[in-house]
PDB file of N, CA and C in Angstrom:
ATOM      1  N   MET A   1     128.238-202.870  99.170  1.00  0.00           N
ATOM      2  CA  MET A   1     128.231-201.415  99.233  1.00  0.00           C
ATOM      3  C   MET A   1     129.596-200.902  98.787  1.00  0.00           C
ATOM      4  N   THR A   2     129.596-199.883  97.971  1.00  0.00           N
ATOM      5  CA  THR A   2     130.847-199.337  97.443  1.00  0.00           C
ATOM      6  C   THR A   2     131.331-198.169  98.301  1.00  0.00           C
ATOM      7  N   ILE A   3     132.558-197.776  98.046  1.00  0.00           N
ATOM      8  CA  ILE A   3     133.119-196.598  98.721  1.00  0.00           C
ATOM      9  C   ILE A   3     132.258-195.378  98.414  1.00  0.00           C
ATOM     10  N   GLU A   4     131.808-195.254  97.175  1.00  0.00           N
ATOM     11  CA  GLU A   4     130.968-194.116  96.788  1.00  0.00           C
ATOM     12  C   GLU A   4     129.654-194.111  97.565  1.00  0.00           C
ATOM     13  N   ASP A   5     129.074-195.293  97.777  1.00  0.00           N
ATOM     14  CA  ASP A   5     127.834-195.398  98.551  1.00  0.00           C
ATOM     15  C   ASP A   5     128.057-194.942  99.995  1.00  0.00           C
ATOM     16  N   ILE A   6     129.155-195.377 100.554  1.00  0.00           N
ATOM     17  CA  ILE A   6     129.468-195.012 101.942  1.00  0.00           C
ATOM     18  C   ILE A   6     129.735-193.506 102.034  1.00  0.00           C
ATOM     19  N   ARG A   7     130.450-192.985 101.051  1.00  0.00           N
ATOM     20  CA  ARG A   7     130.693-191.536 101.044  1.00  0.00           C
ATOM     21  C   ARG A   7     129.392-190.763 100.922  1.00  0.00           C
ATOM     22  N   ALA A   8     128.466-191.276 100.135  1.00  0.00           N
ATOM     23  CA  ALA A   8     127.163-190.618  99.998  1.00  0.00           C
ATOM     24  C   ALA A   8     126.429-190.603 101.339  1.00  0.00           C
ATOM     25  N   GLU A   9     126.534-191.688 102.095  1.00  0.00           N
ATOM     26  CA  GLU A   9     125.922-191.727 103.432  1.00  0.00           C
ATOM     27  C   GLU A   9     126.555-190.682 104.340  1.00  0.00           C
ATOM     28  N   ILE A  10     127.871-190.601 104.303  1.00  0.00           N
ATOM     29  CA  ILE A  10     128.580-189.616 105.127  1.00  0.00           C
ATOM     30  C   ILE A  10     128.191-188.203 104.711  1.00  0.00           C
ATOM     31  N   ASP A  11     128.118-187.956 103.409  1.00  0.00           N
ATOM     32  CA  ASP A  11     127.720-186.636 102.911  1.00  0.00           C
ATOM     33  C   ASP A  11     126.327-186.258 103.395  1.00  0.00           C
ATOM     34  N   ALA A  12     125.408-187.221 103.382  1.00  0.00           N
ATOM     35  CA  ALA A  12     124.041-186.970 103.852  1.00  0.00           C
ATOM     36  C   ALA A  12     124.042-186.640 105.341  1.00  0.00           C
ATOM     37  N   LEU A  13     124.826-187.371 106.115  1.00  0.00           N
ATOM     38  CA  LEU A  13     124.929-187.083 107.550  1.00  0.00           C
ATOM     39  C   LEU A  13     125.540-185.708 107.790  1.00  0.00           C
ATOM     40  N   ASP A  14     126.543-185.367 107.008  1.00  0.00           N
ATOM     41  CA  ASP A  14     127.168-184.045 107.150  1.00  0.00           C
ATOM     42  C   ASP A  14     126.152-182.936 106.901  1.00  0.00           C
ATOM     43  N   ARG A  15     125.302-183.121 105.889  1.00  0.00           N
ATOM     44  CA  ARG A  15     124.258-182.114 105.632  1.00  0.00           C
ATOM     45  C   ARG A  15     123.292-182.035 106.813  1.00  0.00           C
ATOM     46  N   GLU A  16     122.955-183.169 107.397  1.00  0.00           N
ATOM     47  CA  GLU A  16     122.075-183.162 108.577  1.00  0.00           C
ATOM     48  C   GLU A  16     122.738-182.449 109.744  1.00  0.00           C
ATOM     49  N   ILE A  17     124.015-182.710 109.952  1.00  0.00           N
ATOM     50  CA  ILE A  17     124.744-182.063 111.044  1.00  0.00           C
ATOM     51  C   ILE A  17     124.739-180.549 110.847  1.00  0.00           C
ATOM     52  N   ILE A  18     125.000-180.097 109.626  1.00  0.00           N
ATOM     53  CA  ILE A  18     124.994-178.659 109.355  1.00  0.00           C
ATOM     54  C   ILE A  18     123.609-178.080 109.602  1.00  0.00           C
ATOM     55  N   GLY A  19     122.579-178.796 109.204  1.00  0.00           N
ATOM     56  CA  GLY A  19     121.211-178.343 109.463  1.00  0.00           C
ATOM     57  C   GLY A  19     120.934-178.234 110.955  1.00  0.00           C
ATOM     58  N   LEU A  20     121.428-179.196 111.730  1.00  0.00           N
ATOM     59  CA  LEU A  20     121.243-179.146 113.184  1.00  0.00           C
ATOM     60  C   LEU A  20     122.015-177.980 113.801  1.00  0.00           C
ATOM     61  N   ILE A  21     123.194-177.707 113.278  1.00  0.00           N
ATOM     62  CA  ILE A  21     123.961-176.560 113.774  1.00  0.00           C
ATOM     63  C   ILE A  21     123.201-175.268 113.477  1.00  0.00           C
ATOM     64  N   ALA A  22     122.615-175.176 112.296  1.00  0.00           N
ATOM     65  CA  ALA A  22     121.826-173.987 111.956  1.00  0.00           C
ATOM     66  C   ALA A  22     120.636-173.846 112.908  1.00  0.00           C
ATOM     67  N   GLN A  23     119.994-174.952 113.246  1.00  0.00           N
ATOM     68  CA  GLN A  23     118.878-174.906 114.205  1.00  0.00           C
ATOM     69  C   GLN A  23     119.374-174.455 115.576  1.00  0.00           C
ATOM     70  N   ARG A  24     120.531-174.951 115.981  1.00  0.00           N
ATOM     71  CA  ARG A  24     121.103-174.570 117.279  1.00  0.00           C
ATOM     72  C   ARG A  24     121.394-173.076 117.305  1.00  0.00           C
ATOM     73  N   GLN A  25     121.901-172.544 116.194  1.00  0.00           N
ATOM     74  CA  GLN A  25     122.187-171.114 116.101  1.00  0.00           C
ATOM     75  C   GLN A  25     120.899-170.287 116.183  1.00  0.00           C
ATOM     76  N   ALA A  26     119.839-170.764 115.559  1.00  0.00           N
ATOM     77  CA  ALA A  26     118.557-170.050 115.635  1.00  0.00           C
ATOM     78  C   ALA A  26     118.048-170.033 117.069  1.00  0.00           C
ATOM     79  N   ILE A  27     118.196-171.144 117.756  1.00  0.00           N
ATOM     80  CA  ILE A  27     117.772-171.211 119.160  1.00  0.00           C
ATOM     81  C   ILE A  27     118.636-170.282 120.012  1.00  0.00           C
ATOM     82  N   ALA A  28     119.921-170.185 119.684  1.00  0.00           N
ATOM     83  CA  ALA A  28     120.809-169.271 120.416  1.00  0.00           C
ATOM     84  C   ALA A  28     120.318-167.838 120.279  1.00  0.00           C
ATOM     85  N   GLY A  29     119.795-167.496 119.111  1.00  0.00           N
ATOM     86  CA  GLY A  29     119.242-166.159 118.919  1.00  0.00           C
ATOM     87  C   GLY A  29     118.055-165.917 119.832  1.00  0.00           C
ATOM     88  N   ARG A  30     117.195-166.911 119.956  1.00  0.00           N
ATOM     89  CA  ARG A  30     116.045-166.782 120.866  1.00  0.00           C
ATOM     90  C   ARG A  30     116.520-166.687 122.314  1.00  0.00           C
ATOM     91  N   MET A  31     117.551-167.454 122.638  1.00  0.00           N
ATOM     92  CA  MET A  31     118.099-167.426 123.996  1.00  0.00           C
ATOM     93  C   MET A  31     118.659-166.046 124.317  1.00  0.00           C
ATOM     94  N   ALA A  32     119.298-165.426 123.334  1.00  0.00           N
ATOM     95  CA  ALA A  32     119.853-164.082 123.538  1.00  0.00           C
ATOM     96  C   ALA A  32     118.756-163.116 123.949  1.00  0.00           C
ATOM     97  N   HIS A  33     117.643-163.208 123.274  1.00  0.00           N
ATOM     98  CA  HIS A  33     116.513-162.324 123.570  1.00  0.00           C
ATOM     99  C   HIS A  33     116.052-162.513 125.015  1.00  0.00           C
ATOM    100  N   GLU A  34     115.892-163.756 125.420  1.00  0.00           N
ATOM    101  CA  GLU A  34     115.422-164.038 126.787  1.00  0.00           C
ATOM    102  C   GLU A  34     116.446-163.613 127.835  1.00  0.00           C
ATOM    103  N   LYS A  35     117.721-163.861 127.565  1.00  0.00           N
ATOM    104  CA  LYS A  35     118.754-163.440 128.509  1.00  0.00           C
ATOM    105  C   LYS A  35     118.795-161.921 128.616  1.00  0.00           C
ATOM    106  N   TYR A  36     118.656-161.251 127.495  1.00  0.00           N
ATOM    107  CA  TYR A  36     118.658-159.786 127.482  1.00  0.00           C
ATOM    108  C   TYR A  36     117.505-159.254 128.331  1.00  0.00           C
ATOM    109  N   LEU A  37     116.313-159.807 128.130  1.00  0.00           N
ATOM    110  CA  LEU A  37     115.145-159.366 128.908  1.00  0.00           C
ATOM    111  C   LEU A  37     115.319-159.624 130.401  1.00  0.00           C
ATOM    112  N   ALA A  38     115.993-160.724 130.722  1.00  0.00           N
ATOM    113  CA  ALA A  38     116.200-161.082 132.123  1.00  0.00           C
ATOM    114  C   ALA A  38     117.428-160.407 132.732  1.00  0.00           C
ATOM    115  N   GLY A  39     118.185-159.671 131.910  1.00  0.00           N
ATOM    116  CA  GLY A  39     119.381-159.009 132.416  1.00  0.00           C
ATOM    117  C   GLY A  39     120.522-159.968 132.729  1.00  0.00           C
ATOM    118  N   LEU A  40     120.546-161.099 132.043  1.00  0.00           N
ATOM    119  CA  LEU A  40     121.566-162.113 132.289  1.00  0.00           C
ATOM    120  C   LEU A  40     122.698-161.999 131.267  1.00  0.00           C
ATOM    121  N   PRO A  41     123.901-162.390 131.667  1.00  0.00           N
ATOM    122  CA  PRO A  41     125.016-162.367 130.718  1.00  0.00           C
ATOM    123  C   PRO A  41     124.866-163.486 129.689  1.00  0.00           C
ATOM    124  N   VAL A  42     125.535-163.330 128.569  1.00  0.00           N
ATOM    125  CA  VAL A  42     125.499-164.358 127.532  1.00  0.00           C
ATOM    126  C   VAL A  42     126.104-165.653 128.062  1.00  0.00           C
ATOM    127  N   ARG A  43     127.276-165.587 128.659  1.00  0.00           N
ATOM    128  CA  ARG A  43     127.940-166.811 129.127  1.00  0.00           C
ATOM    129  C   ARG A  43     127.415-167.209 130.494  1.00  0.00           C
ATOM    130  N   ASP A  44     126.986-168.465 130.565  1.00  0.00           N
ATOM    131  CA  ASP A  44     126.572-169.086 131.826  1.00  0.00           C
ATOM    132  C   ASP A  44     127.584-170.199 132.083  1.00  0.00           C
ATOM    133  N   GLN A  45     128.624-169.873 132.819  1.00  0.00           N
ATOM    134  CA  GLN A  45     129.735-170.801 133.013  1.00  0.00           C
ATOM    135  C   GLN A  45     129.289-172.112 133.653  1.00  0.00           C
ATOM    136  N   LYS A  46     128.383-172.039 134.601  1.00  0.00           N
ATOM    137  CA  LYS A  46     127.905-173.254 135.258  1.00  0.00           C
ATOM    138  C   LYS A  46     127.202-174.169 134.249  1.00  0.00           C
ATOM    139  N   ARG A  47     126.346-173.594 133.398  1.00  0.00           N
ATOM    140  CA  ARG A  47     125.654-174.362 132.363  1.00  0.00           C
ATOM    141  C   ARG A  47     126.653-174.943 131.367  1.00  0.00           C
ATOM    142  N   ARG A  48     127.635-174.134 130.984  1.00  0.00           N
ATOM    143  CA  ARG A  48     128.655-174.572 130.031  1.00  0.00           C
ATOM    144  C   ARG A  48     129.400-175.788 130.572  1.00  0.00           C
ATOM    145  N   GLU A  49     129.841-175.718 131.805  1.00  0.00           N
ATOM    146  CA  GLU A  49     130.585-176.825 132.405  1.00  0.00           C
ATOM    147  C   GLU A  49     129.716-178.075 132.528  1.00  0.00           C
ATOM    148  N   ALA A  50     128.438-177.901 132.889  1.00  0.00           N
ATOM    149  CA  ALA A  50     127.535-179.048 133.003  1.00  0.00           C
ATOM    150  C   ALA A  50     127.322-179.709 131.639  1.00  0.00           C
ATOM    151  N   LEU A  51     127.149-178.899 130.601  1.00  0.00           N
ATOM    152  CA  LEU A  51     126.949-179.452 129.265  1.00  0.00           C
ATOM    153  C   LEU A  51     128.194-180.190 128.786  1.00  0.00           C
ATOM    154  N   LEU A  52     129.364-179.615 129.028  1.00  0.00           N
ATOM    155  CA  LEU A  52     130.601-180.274 128.609  1.00  0.00           C
ATOM    156  C   LEU A  52     130.795-181.606 129.324  1.00  0.00           C
ATOM    157  N   LYS A  53     130.435-181.667 130.594  1.00  0.00           N
ATOM    158  CA  LYS A  53     130.507-182.939 131.315  1.00  0.00           C
ATOM    159  C   LYS A  53     129.517-183.935 130.732  1.00  0.00           C
ATOM    160  N   GLN A  54     128.319-183.460 130.445  1.00  0.00           N
ATOM    161  CA  GLN A  54     127.281-184.329 129.891  1.00  0.00           C
ATOM    162  C   GLN A  54     127.696-184.917 128.549  1.00  0.00           C
ATOM    163  N   VAL A  55     128.224-184.086 127.647  1.00  0.00           N
ATOM    164  CA  VAL A  55     128.604-184.604 126.331  1.00  0.00           C
ATOM    165  C   VAL A  55     129.822-185.525 126.431  1.00  0.00           C
ATOM    166  N   PHE A  56     130.716-185.233 127.349  1.00  0.00           N
ATOM    167  CA  PHE A  56     131.872-186.106 127.576  1.00  0.00           C
ATOM    168  C   PHE A  56     131.384-187.486 128.014  1.00  0.00           C
ATOM    169  N   ASP A  57     130.505-187.501 129.008  1.00  0.00           N
ATOM    170  CA  ASP A  57     129.989-188.769 129.521  1.00  0.00           C
ATOM    171  C   ASP A  57     129.198-189.535 128.459  1.00  0.00           C
ATOM    172  N   THR A  58     128.411-188.818 127.673  1.00  0.00           N
ATOM    173  CA  THR A  58     127.636-189.456 126.611  1.00  0.00           C
ATOM    174  C   THR A  58     128.563-190.046 125.558  1.00  0.00           C
ATOM    175  N   ALA A  59     129.628-189.342 125.223  1.00  0.00           N
ATOM    176  CA  ALA A  59     130.589-189.858 124.248  1.00  0.00           C
ATOM    177  C   ALA A  59     131.243-191.139 124.769  1.00  0.00           C
ATOM    178  N   VAL A  60     131.582-191.156 126.053  1.00  0.00           N
ATOM    179  CA  VAL A  60     132.148-192.371 126.647  1.00  0.00           C
ATOM    180  C   VAL A  60     131.161-193.520 126.501  1.00  0.00           C
ATOM    181  N   GLU A  61     129.884-193.271 126.815  1.00  0.00           N
ATOM    182  CA  GLU A  61     128.852-194.300 126.695  1.00  0.00           C
ATOM    183  C   GLU A  61     128.716-194.801 125.261  1.00  0.00           C
ATOM    184  N   GLN A  62     128.901-193.908 124.288  1.00  0.00           N
ATOM    185  CA  GLN A  62     128.768-194.258 122.870  1.00  0.00           C
ATOM    186  C   GLN A  62     130.070-194.815 122.283  1.00  0.00           C
ATOM    187  N   ASN A  63     131.097-194.892 123.120  1.00  0.00           N
ATOM    188  CA  ASN A  63     132.396-195.428 122.712  1.00  0.00           C
ATOM    189  C   ASN A  63     133.024-194.614 121.577  1.00  0.00           C
ATOM    190  N   ILE A  64     132.912-193.287 121.694  1.00  0.00           N
ATOM    191  CA  ILE A  64     133.618-192.401 120.773  1.00  0.00           C
ATOM    192  C   ILE A  64     134.512-191.485 121.601  1.00  0.00           C
ATOM    193  N   ASN A  65     135.486-190.899 120.969  1.00  0.00           N
ATOM    194  CA  ASN A  65     136.503-190.120 121.662  1.00  0.00           C
ATOM    195  C   ASN A  65     135.862-188.943 122.422  1.00  0.00           C
ATOM    196  N   PRO A  66     135.808-189.025 123.761  1.00  0.00           N
ATOM    197  CA  PRO A  66     135.134-187.976 124.530  1.00  0.00           C
ATOM    198  C   PRO A  66     135.862-186.638 124.505  1.00  0.00           C
ATOM    199  N   VAL A  67     137.170-186.652 124.361  1.00  0.00           N
ATOM    200  CA  VAL A  67     137.931-185.406 124.328  1.00  0.00           C
ATOM    201  C   VAL A  67     137.589-184.633 123.051  1.00  0.00           C
ATOM    202  N   MET A  68     137.526-185.339 121.937  1.00  0.00           N
ATOM    203  CA  MET A  68     137.196-184.668 120.680  1.00  0.00           C
ATOM    204  C   MET A  68     135.738-184.213 120.658  1.00  0.00           C
ATOM    205  N   VAL A  69     134.850-185.012 121.211  1.00  0.00           N
ATOM    206  CA  VAL A  69     133.442-184.604 121.281  1.00  0.00           C
ATOM    207  C   VAL A  69     133.327-183.345 122.136  1.00  0.00           C
ATOM    208  N   ARG A  70     134.042-183.307 123.232  1.00  0.00           N
ATOM    209  CA  ARG A  70     134.039-182.112 124.083  1.00  0.00           C
ATOM    210  C   ARG A  70     134.537-180.900 123.293  1.00  0.00           C
ATOM    211  N   GLN A  71     135.589-181.071 122.499  1.00  0.00           N
ATOM    212  CA  GLN A  71     136.113-179.969 121.688  1.00  0.00           C
ATOM    213  C   GLN A  71     135.065-179.481 120.680  1.00  0.00           C
ATOM    214  N   ILE A  72     134.356-180.407 120.073  1.00  0.00           N
ATOM    215  CA  ILE A  72     133.301-180.035 119.124  1.00  0.00           C
ATOM    216  C   ILE A  72     132.253-179.186 119.829  1.00  0.00           C
ATOM    217  N   PHE A  73     131.858-179.603 121.013  1.00  0.00           N
ATOM    218  CA  PHE A  73     130.828-178.861 121.730  1.00  0.00           C
ATOM    219  C   PHE A  73     131.336-177.533 122.268  1.00  0.00           C
ATOM    220  N   GLU A  74     132.609-177.440 122.584  1.00  0.00           N
ATOM    221  CA  GLU A  74     133.168-176.142 122.953  1.00  0.00           C
ATOM    222  C   GLU A  74     133.028-175.173 121.782  1.00  0.00           C
ATOM    223  N   ILE A  75     133.303-175.659 120.579  1.00  0.00           N
ATOM    224  CA  ILE A  75     133.145-174.825 119.382  1.00  0.00           C
ATOM    225  C   ILE A  75     131.678-174.446 119.194  1.00  0.00           C
ATOM    226  N   LEU A  76     130.778-175.411 119.330  1.00  0.00           N
ATOM    227  CA  LEU A  76     129.351-175.122 119.179  1.00  0.00           C
ATOM    228  C   LEU A  76     128.884-174.078 120.190  1.00  0.00           C
ATOM    229  N   MET A  77     129.344-174.182 121.422  1.00  0.00           N
ATOM    230  CA  MET A  77     128.952-173.210 122.434  1.00  0.00           C
ATOM    231  C   MET A  77     129.562-171.844 122.156  1.00  0.00           C
ATOM    232  N   ASP A  78     130.802-171.822 121.670  1.00  0.00           N
ATOM    233  CA  ASP A  78     131.413-170.545 121.287  1.00  0.00           C
ATOM    234  C   ASP A  78     130.599-169.891 120.171  1.00  0.00           C
ATOM    235  N   MET A  79     130.166-170.695 119.197  1.00  0.00           N
ATOM    236  CA  MET A  79     129.333-170.170 118.110  1.00  0.00           C
ATOM    237  C   MET A  79     128.023-169.608 118.652  1.00  0.00           C
ATOM    238  N   SER A  80     127.424-170.318 119.593  1.00  0.00           N
ATOM    239  CA  SER A  80     126.167-169.859 120.182  1.00  0.00           C
ATOM    240  C   SER A  80     126.346-168.554 120.939  1.00  0.00           C
ATOM    241  N   GLU A  81     127.427-168.466 121.695  1.00  0.00           N
ATOM    242  CA  GLU A  81     127.693-167.231 122.427  1.00  0.00           C
ATOM    243  C   GLU A  81     127.937-166.075 121.468  1.00  0.00           C
ATOM    244  N   GLU A  82     128.676-166.330 120.396  1.00  0.00           N
ATOM    245  CA  GLU A  82     128.917-165.297 119.397  1.00  0.00           C
ATOM    246  C   GLU A  82     127.592-164.835 118.788  1.00  0.00           C
ATOM    247  N   ARG A  83     126.732-165.785 118.474  1.00  0.00           N
ATOM    248  CA  ARG A  83     125.414-165.457 117.910  1.00  0.00           C
ATOM    249  C   ARG A  83     124.601-164.626 118.894  1.00  0.00           C
ATOM    250  N   GLN A  84     124.644-164.984 120.172  1.00  0.00           N
ATOM    251  CA  GLN A  84     123.902-164.238 121.186  1.00  0.00           C
ATOM    252  C   GLN A  84     124.411-162.811 121.295  1.00  0.00           C
ATOM    253  N   HIS A  85     125.727-162.645 121.271  1.00  0.00           N
ATOM    254  CA  HIS A  85     126.297-161.291 121.310  1.00  0.00           C
ATOM    255  C   HIS A  85     125.827-160.476 120.109  1.00  0.00           C
ATOM    256  N   GLU A  86     125.818-161.103 118.936  1.00  0.00           N
ATOM    257  CA  GLU A  86     125.349-160.415 117.730  1.00  0.00           C
ATOM    258  C   GLU A  86     123.891-159.998 117.873  1.00  0.00           C
ATOM    259  N   CYS A  87     123.083-160.878 118.437  1.00  0.00           N
ATOM    260  CA  CYS A  87     121.646-160.612 118.549  1.00  0.00           C
ATOM    261  C   CYS A  87     121.330-159.474 119.507  1.00  0.00           C
ATOM    262  N   ILE A  88     122.188-159.284 120.503  1.00  0.00           N
ATOM    263  CA  ILE A  88     121.914-158.200 121.451  1.00  0.00           C
ATOM    264  C   ILE A  88     122.773-156.970 121.149  1.00  0.00           C
ATOM    265  N   GLY A  89     123.420-156.981 119.980  1.00  0.00           N
ATOM    266  CA  GLY A  89     124.144-155.811 119.532  1.00  0.00           C
ATOM    267  C   GLY A  89     125.510-155.624 120.127  1.00  0.00           C
ATOM    268  N   GLU A  90     126.143-156.699 120.559  1.00  0.00           N
ATOM    269  CA  GLU A  90     127.469-156.594 121.154  1.00  0.00           C
ATOM    270  C   GLU A  90     128.564-157.142 120.245  1.00  0.00           C
ATOM    271  N   GLY A  91     128.252-157.407 119.002  1.00  0.00           N
ATOM    272  CA  GLY A  91     129.269-158.011 118.130  1.00  0.00           C
ATOM    273  C   GLY A  91     129.678-159.349 118.668  1.00  0.00           C
ATOM    274  N   ASN A  92     130.954-159.664 118.657  1.00  0.00           N
ATOM    275  CA  ASN A  92     131.400-160.948 119.198  1.00  0.00           C
ATOM    276  C   ASN A  92     132.286-160.747 120.425  1.00  0.00           C
ATOM    277  N   LEU A  93     131.864-159.902 121.307  1.00  0.00           N
ATOM    278  CA  LEU A  93     132.607-159.657 122.538  1.00  0.00           C
ATOM    279  C   LEU A  93     132.599-160.895 123.405  1.00  0.00           C
ATOM    280  N   PRO A  94     133.658-161.125 124.171  1.00  0.00           N
ATOM    281  CA  PRO A  94     133.680-162.294 125.072  1.00  0.00           C
ATOM    282  C   PRO A  94     132.738-162.106 126.249  1.00  0.00           C
TER     283      PRO A  94
END
């Protein structure tokens, strides 16, 4: 296998990751609607903390850097919250 072959594999995975992020954002839009109907705030701190613990622990199990995985998921959750604010007409308010 050549470097170019390996890079092609990485490129394909990157496209899949971006596609999954787009799916996550679409789901965040649906979540915004449900939270709005239920009168709930966009940020659910308890859920956020539980998810961050879960991804940290999963990263440890997978033998990858759990701190960096946690940072990635913090960004993903920030993106989701921003999307939810947009969907309910609040722009990107915290």
